[in-house]
Amino acid sequence: MDNTFSSYKIDDRSLIAFIKREIHNLALQLGFTPHRAAETDIIVAELTSNLIKYAQGGELLYRAHHADGHNQIEIYCLDKGVGIDNVNKIMNDGYSSSNTLGHGLGAIKRLSNDFQIYSLRNWGTVQYIKICDKIDFNVPLMPSGFNFSAVSVNYPGERVCGDGYYIKYSKKGFYIFVGDGLGHGANAHEAVQQAIKVFKQTTEHEPTAILREIHDKVKKSRGLVATIATVDYKSESWNICGVGNINTRIYRGLENKTYTPYNGIIGHNIPRTLNSTVVPYEKHQVIVMHSDGLRTRWNLNDLTSIIKQNPGVIASSLYKDNIRGTDDATVLVGKII
């Protein structure tokens, strides 16, 4: 299954039936029973109609996914409306407000396997919904260690994404790759997928060595920019190195550190000297990595208590506020818990 999300701007009621039908058909293809697909319809109808009624429109992201032994549909519902003052109050079935996106959220929560919501007054609302093929499946709690989510969306009109990400684990730690093929479309997609293939197979451990190996093996491609962040449990440190404009920041409380990558294009020209930045690896850190499909002038500390939210809510909030709309866009958020 593809990691990217399909995106629909919801600004007209006529789109609702089309989107419901598309997600309904996707549910059936994933093996959902007709009854479970009908429950999915209710969720999508509530989300989209609320966007029109209370937020004057918004954006719906969705994808098919397989995790924890289940086929599932993941949805992000994003708006820049007036927001919700008291999320807990409106979660009750039947509660409705005349001017805020609140109606039916209790039903959405009851019919989904996971439901997360984050909202601020005059900022808008982010909702995350996971719908598994079995309604009685309990999504596991996030284990201690590293937990991540990513939102990746194609350039408008493209069928494939020129961005890519991958995470691999070992007994010693873990390795994160986020890359962006030059431009967008099929050639950018091919470049970043070649890089991910090398990243998966390499026996190197240092980000600098991995980047050099990728550079040597993607020279026939269009080229890409990428950053690799690795964690070594023993030394309790991050090692981060990148070439080109992948934005990387690590937050811990109010403090944050931005990593500056080298200039260059992997597969074409990279600096002769590459050095990793070493950062302490600590509990409660949040790492954010994103392609230039998002603007870089953001600060998580501007969003009240966003650090406490799960990685998907953080990623989609950054996407909502900073999407350029002129390229593929990927934002990956990881939390150390």
Protein backbone atom coordinates (compact mmCIF):
# COMPACT_ATOMS: atom_id res chain seq x y z
CA MET A 1 0.00 0.00 0.00
CA ASP A 2 1.20 3.51 -0.83
CA ASN A 3 2.28 5.73 2.07
CA THR A 4 0.86 8.89 0.48
CA PHE A 5 -2.49 10.45 1.32
CA SER A 6 -5.06 11.46 -1.26
CA SER A 7 -6.17 15.05 -0.73
CA TYR A 8 -9.50 16.73 -1.35
CA LYS A 9 -10.36 20.35 -0.69
CA ILE A 10 -13.90 20.37 0.68
CA ASP A 11 -15.49 23.70 -0.24
CA ASP A 12 -18.76 22.64 -1.83
CA ARG A 13 -21.50 20.26 -0.69
CA SER A 14 -21.57 18.61 -4.13
CA LEU A 15 -18.18 16.99 -3.38
CA ILE A 16 -19.46 15.07 -0.37
CA ALA A 17 -21.26 12.31 -2.32
CA PHE A 18 -18.23 11.79 -4.57
CA ILE A 19 -15.80 11.47 -1.65
CA LYS A 20 -18.16 9.18 0.28
CA ARG A 21 -18.41 6.87 -2.73
CA GLU A 22 -14.65 6.83 -3.29
CA ILE A 23 -13.85 5.95 0.33
CA HIS A 24 -16.73 3.45 0.45
CA ASN A 25 -15.31 1.61 -2.58
CA LEU A 26 -11.85 1.70 -1.01
CA ALA A 27 -13.25 0.12 2.16
CA LEU A 28 -14.82 -2.73 0.17
CA GLN A 29 -11.54 -3.29 -1.71
CA LEU A 30 -9.78 -3.62 1.66
CA GLY A 31 -12.16 -6.38 2.70
CA PHE A 32 -14.50 -4.34 4.92
CA THR A 33 -17.94 -5.92 5.29
CA PRO A 34 -20.83 -3.94 3.75
CA HIS A 35 -21.89 -3.02 7.29
CA ARG A 36 -18.41 -1.73 8.20
CA ALA A 37 -18.26 0.18 4.91
CA ALA A 38 -21.63 1.77 5.78
CA GLU A 39 -20.21 2.84 9.15
CA THR A 40 -17.31 4.37 7.26
CA ASP A 41 -19.86 6.30 5.17
CA ILE A 42 -21.35 7.79 8.34
CA ILE A 43 -17.93 8.96 9.52
CA VAL A 44 -17.07 10.56 6.18
CA ALA A 45 -20.50 12.20 5.91
CA GLU A 46 -20.18 13.72 9.41
CA LEU A 47 -16.66 14.99 8.76
CA THR A 48 -17.38 16.55 5.37
CA SER A 49 -20.75 18.06 6.23
CA ASN A 50 -19.26 19.61 9.37
CA LEU A 51 -16.53 21.22 7.27
CA ILE A 52 -19.13 22.89 5.06
CA LYS A 53 -21.50 23.88 7.87
CA TYR A 54 -19.13 25.15 10.52
CA ALA A 55 -15.71 25.78 9.05
CA GLN A 56 -16.53 27.16 5.56
CA GLY A 57 -14.55 24.30 4.08
CA GLY A 58 -11.33 22.47 4.71
CA GLU A 59 -9.23 19.54 3.51
CA LEU A 60 -9.67 15.78 3.81
CA LEU A 61 -6.63 13.50 3.58
CA TYR A 62 -7.08 9.73 3.43
CA ARG A 63 -5.16 6.57 2.62
CA ALA A 64 -5.41 2.79 2.81
CA HIS A 65 -2.96 1.31 5.28
CA HIS A 66 -2.05 -2.04 6.82
CA ALA A 67 -0.85 -2.24 10.42
CA ASP A 68 -1.24 -4.48 13.46
CA GLY A 69 -2.61 -7.25 11.22
CA HIS A 70 -5.54 -5.16 9.97
CA ASN A 71 -6.42 -3.28 6.81
CA GLN A 72 -7.46 0.23 7.73
CA ILE A 73 -8.36 3.63 6.37
CA GLU A 74 -6.69 6.66 7.91
CA ILE A 75 -8.26 10.10 7.58
CA TYR A 76 -7.13 13.57 8.55
CA CYS A 77 -9.78 16.29 8.53
CA LEU A 78 -8.27 19.78 8.60
CA ASP A 79 -9.89 23.21 8.79
CA LYS A 80 -9.06 26.82 9.59
CA GLY A 81 -12.43 27.63 11.13
CA VAL A 82 -13.28 29.24 14.47
CA GLY A 83 -12.13 26.20 16.44
CA ILE A 84 -13.65 24.47 19.47
CA ASP A 85 -13.43 25.84 23.00
CA ASN A 86 -14.35 22.67 24.89
CA VAL A 87 -13.58 19.47 23.00
CA ASN A 88 -14.72 17.19 25.83
CA LYS A 89 -18.15 18.82 25.99
CA ILE A 90 -18.94 18.39 22.32
CA MET A 91 -17.81 14.74 22.22
CA ASN A 92 -21.22 13.67 23.52
CA ASP A 93 -23.57 12.28 20.88
CA GLY A 94 -26.30 14.73 19.96
CA TYR A 95 -24.44 17.85 21.09
CA SER A 96 -24.36 20.54 18.44
CA SER A 97 -23.21 24.12 18.37
CA SER A 98 -24.52 26.73 16.02
CA ASN A 99 -21.14 28.11 15.06
CA THR A 100 -18.45 25.51 15.70
CA LEU A 101 -17.52 22.20 14.16
CA GLY A 102 -18.95 19.95 16.83
CA HIS A 103 -21.97 18.03 15.63
CA GLY A 104 -21.61 14.27 15.45
CA LEU A 105 -18.10 13.95 16.86
CA GLY A 106 -19.38 11.45 19.42
CA ALA A 107 -20.66 9.25 16.60
CA ILE A 108 -17.35 9.53 14.77
CA LYS A 109 -15.45 8.45 17.87
CA ARG A 110 -17.84 5.53 18.52
CA LEU A 111 -17.57 4.16 14.96
CA SER A 112 -13.80 4.57 14.55
CA ASN A 113 -10.98 2.52 16.07
CA ASP A 114 -8.94 5.61 16.92
CA PHE A 115 -10.02 9.23 17.06
CA GLN A 116 -7.85 12.21 17.97
CA ILE A 117 -8.81 15.88 17.88
CA TYR A 118 -6.88 19.09 18.46
CA SER A 119 -8.47 22.52 18.23
CA LEU A 120 -7.70 26.13 19.10
CA ARG A 121 -9.98 29.14 19.00
CA ASN A 122 -9.57 31.06 15.70
CA TRP A 123 -6.93 28.56 14.50
CA GLY A 124 -9.14 25.68 13.46
CA THR A 125 -9.32 21.97 14.09
CA VAL A 126 -7.35 18.84 13.21
CA GLN A 127 -9.05 15.45 13.45
CA TYR A 128 -7.43 12.04 12.98
CA ILE A 129 -9.58 8.97 12.38
CA LYS A 130 -8.49 5.36 11.98
CA ILE A 131 -11.11 2.93 10.68
CA CYS A 132 -10.09 -0.74 10.79
CA ASP A 133 -11.87 -3.60 9.05
CA LYS A 134 -13.08 -4.79 12.48
CA ILE A 135 -14.81 -2.25 14.72
CA ASP A 136 -13.90 -4.17 17.89
CA PHE A 137 -10.15 -4.01 17.22
CA ASN A 138 -8.44 -1.97 19.93
CA VAL A 139 -5.52 0.02 18.55
CA PRO A 140 -2.45 -0.69 20.73
CA LEU A 141 -1.21 2.11 22.95
CA MET A 142 1.99 3.74 21.77
CA PRO A 143 4.88 1.73 23.21
CA SER A 144 7.75 3.43 24.97
CA GLY A 145 10.63 4.36 22.72
CA PHE A 146 10.25 5.99 19.32
CA ASN A 147 6.80 6.60 17.82
CA PHE A 148 6.24 8.40 14.54
CA SER A 149 3.65 9.44 11.99
CA ALA A 150 4.06 11.06 8.60
CA VAL A 151 1.80 12.98 6.25
CA SER A 152 2.85 12.76 2.62
CA VAL A 153 0.79 14.31 -0.21
CA ASN A 154 1.42 14.44 -3.95
CA TYR A 155 1.80 17.64 -5.91
CA PRO A 156 -1.72 18.48 -7.15
CA GLY A 157 -2.54 16.44 -10.25
CA GLU A 158 0.32 13.94 -9.87
CA ARG A 159 -0.32 10.22 -9.34
CA VAL A 160 2.94 9.53 -7.52
CA CYS A 161 4.91 11.39 -4.88
CA GLY A 162 8.44 12.68 -5.40
CA ASP A 163 9.02 12.70 -1.63
CA GLY A 164 9.72 9.62 0.44
CA TYR A 165 10.55 8.47 3.93
CA TYR A 166 11.60 5.26 5.61
CA ILE A 167 12.54 4.16 9.12
CA LYS A 168 14.52 1.04 9.97
CA TYR A 169 15.35 -0.40 13.36
CA SER A 170 18.20 -2.42 14.84
CA LYS A 171 19.12 -3.59 18.32
CA LYS A 172 21.51 -0.64 18.55
CA GLY A 173 19.05 2.08 17.54
CA PHE A 174 17.09 3.32 14.55
CA TYR A 175 17.59 5.21 11.28
CA ILE A 176 15.30 7.81 9.66
CA PHE A 177 15.43 8.81 5.99
CA VAL A 178 13.45 11.71 4.53
CA GLY A 179 14.09 12.62 0.89
CA ASP A 180 12.73 14.74 -1.94
CA GLY A 181 13.40 13.94 -5.60
CA LEU A 182 14.08 17.02 -7.72
CA GLY A 183 10.84 18.45 -9.07
CA HIS A 184 7.79 16.23 -8.88
CA GLY A 185 6.12 13.42 -10.80
CA ALA A 186 7.46 10.07 -12.02
CA ASN A 187 11.15 11.02 -12.32
CA ALA A 188 11.27 12.55 -8.83
CA HIS A 189 9.45 9.48 -7.48
CA GLU A 190 11.95 7.15 -9.14
CA ALA A 191 14.93 9.05 -7.67
CA VAL A 192 13.66 9.00 -4.10
CA GLN A 193 12.58 5.34 -4.32
CA GLN A 194 16.05 4.35 -5.58
CA ALA A 195 17.52 6.18 -2.58
CA ILE A 196 15.17 4.40 -0.17
CA LYS A 197 16.16 1.03 -1.67
CA VAL A 198 19.83 1.80 -0.97
CA PHE A 199 18.95 3.03 2.53
CA LYS A 200 17.10 -0.21 3.29
CA GLN A 201 19.97 -2.42 2.12
CA THR A 202 23.04 -0.54 3.35
CA THR A 203 25.20 -2.00 6.11
CA GLU A 204 26.63 1.43 6.94
CA HIS A 205 25.66 3.05 10.24
CA GLU A 206 26.90 6.64 9.96
CA PRO A 207 24.59 9.11 8.14
CA THR A 208 27.56 10.53 6.20
CA ALA A 209 28.54 7.08 4.88
CA ILE A 210 24.93 6.22 4.02
CA LEU A 211 24.50 9.48 2.09
CA ARG A 212 27.70 8.82 0.12
CA GLU A 213 26.52 5.31 -0.77
CA ILE A 214 23.15 6.67 -1.93
CA HIS A 215 24.93 9.38 -3.95
CA ASP A 216 27.05 6.77 -5.76
CA LYS A 217 24.06 4.55 -6.59
CA VAL A 218 21.51 7.10 -7.83
CA LYS A 219 23.73 8.96 -10.30
CA LYS A 220 21.56 7.91 -13.25
CA SER A 221 18.47 9.40 -11.62
CA ARG A 222 17.21 12.96 -11.57
CA GLY A 223 18.79 13.36 -8.13
CA LEU A 224 17.37 14.26 -4.74
CA VAL A 225 17.88 16.02 -1.45
CA ALA A 226 17.75 14.03 1.78
CA THR A 227 18.52 14.02 5.48
CA ILE A 228 19.34 10.97 7.58
CA ALA A 229 18.95 11.00 11.36
CA THR A 230 20.17 8.02 13.37
CA VAL A 231 19.96 7.17 17.05
CA ASP A 232 22.50 5.10 18.94
CA TYR A 233 21.02 3.78 22.18
CA LYS A 234 24.41 3.12 23.76
CA SER A 235 25.83 6.61 23.28
CA GLU A 236 22.35 8.16 23.74
CA SER A 237 22.87 10.45 20.78
CA TRP A 238 21.35 11.55 17.50
CA ASN A 239 23.63 11.76 14.46
CA ILE A 240 22.13 13.93 11.73
CA CYS A 241 23.44 14.74 8.27
CA GLY A 242 21.69 15.99 5.16
CA VAL A 243 22.29 17.39 1.68
CA GLY A 244 19.74 19.87 0.37
CA ASN A 245 16.68 21.47 1.85
CA ILE A 246 15.05 18.94 4.16
CA ASN A 247 14.13 20.89 7.28
CA THR A 248 14.97 19.11 10.56
CA ARG A 249 14.26 20.27 14.10
CA ILE A 250 14.39 18.62 17.49
CA TYR A 251 12.20 19.97 20.29
CA ARG A 252 12.42 19.28 24.00
CA GLY A 253 9.98 21.39 25.94
CA LEU A 254 10.33 25.03 24.88
CA GLU A 255 13.83 24.44 23.52
CA ASN A 256 14.44 23.50 19.91
CA LYS A 257 17.45 22.96 17.70
CA THR A 258 17.38 23.33 13.92
CA TYR A 259 19.82 21.23 11.90
CA THR A 260 21.36 22.95 8.86
CA PRO A 261 22.07 20.60 5.91
CA TYR A 262 24.82 20.92 3.33
CA ASN A 263 24.24 22.44 -0.11
CA GLY A 264 24.16 20.02 -3.03
CA ILE A 265 22.14 17.40 -4.89
CA ILE A 266 22.54 13.72 -4.06
CA GLY A 267 23.38 11.84 -7.26
CA HIS A 268 24.90 14.93 -8.88
CA ASN A 269 27.13 16.93 -6.55
CA ILE A 270 27.70 16.64 -2.81
CA PRO A 271 30.44 18.20 -0.64
CA ARG A 272 33.74 16.37 -0.30
CA THR A 273 33.53 16.73 3.46
CA LEU A 274 30.40 15.65 5.29
CA ASN A 275 30.08 15.69 9.06
CA SER A 276 27.16 14.68 11.24
CA THR A 277 25.68 16.93 13.89
CA VAL A 278 25.53 15.10 17.22
CA VAL A 279 22.60 15.89 19.50
CA PRO A 280 21.76 14.21 22.85
CA TYR A 281 18.97 11.62 22.60
CA GLU A 282 16.54 12.22 25.46
CA LYS A 283 13.03 11.29 26.52
CA HIS A 284 10.24 13.69 25.57
CA GLN A 285 12.02 14.92 22.46
CA VAL A 286 10.03 15.60 19.29
CA ILE A 287 11.82 15.44 15.93
CA VAL A 288 10.23 17.10 12.90
CA MET A 289 11.55 16.51 9.37
CA HIS A 290 9.86 17.89 6.26
CA SER A 291 10.41 18.60 2.59
CA ASP A 292 10.22 22.05 1.01
CA GLY A 293 6.57 21.43 0.16
CA LEU A 294 6.04 23.08 3.57
CA ARG A 295 7.10 26.57 4.61
CA THR A 296 9.84 26.62 7.23
CA ARG A 297 8.78 29.61 9.34
CA TRP A 298 6.81 27.77 12.01
CA ASN A 299 7.24 27.12 15.71
CA LEU A 300 5.48 24.35 17.63
CA ASN A 301 5.53 26.55 20.71
CA ASP A 302 2.97 28.82 19.01
CA LEU A 303 0.39 26.03 19.29
CA THR A 304 -0.85 25.51 22.85
CA SER A 305 0.02 22.04 24.21
CA ILE A 306 0.64 20.64 20.70
CA ILE A 307 3.74 18.82 22.02
CA LYS A 308 1.41 16.64 24.13
CA GLN A 309 -0.49 15.43 21.06
CA ASN A 310 0.37 12.27 19.15
CA PRO A 311 2.80 12.52 16.21
CA GLY A 312 0.06 12.39 13.55
CA VAL A 313 -1.79 15.36 15.03
CA ILE A 314 1.45 17.36 15.19
CA ALA A 315 2.37 16.44 11.60
CA SER A 316 -1.07 17.28 10.20
CA SER A 317 -1.19 20.57 12.14
CA LEU A 318 2.11 21.62 10.58
CA TYR A 319 0.83 20.52 7.17
CA LYS A 320 -2.41 22.49 7.61
CA ASP A 321 -0.64 25.72 8.49
CA ASN A 322 2.37 25.55 6.17
CA ILE A 323 1.51 23.68 2.95
CA ARG A 324 2.77 25.58 -0.09
CA GLY A 325 0.73 23.69 -2.68
CA THR A 326 3.49 24.03 -5.29
CA ASP A 327 5.27 20.69 -4.78
CA ASP A 328 4.93 17.30 -3.11
CA ALA A 329 4.79 17.72 0.65
CA THR A 330 5.98 15.39 3.40
CA VAL A 331 6.23 16.00 7.14
CA LEU A 332 7.42 13.30 9.54
CA VAL A 333 7.11 13.70 13.31
CA GLY A 334 8.65 11.36 15.86
CA LYS A 335 8.28 11.40 19.65
CA ILE A 336 10.58 9.85 22.23
CA ILE A 337 8.38 8.55 25.05
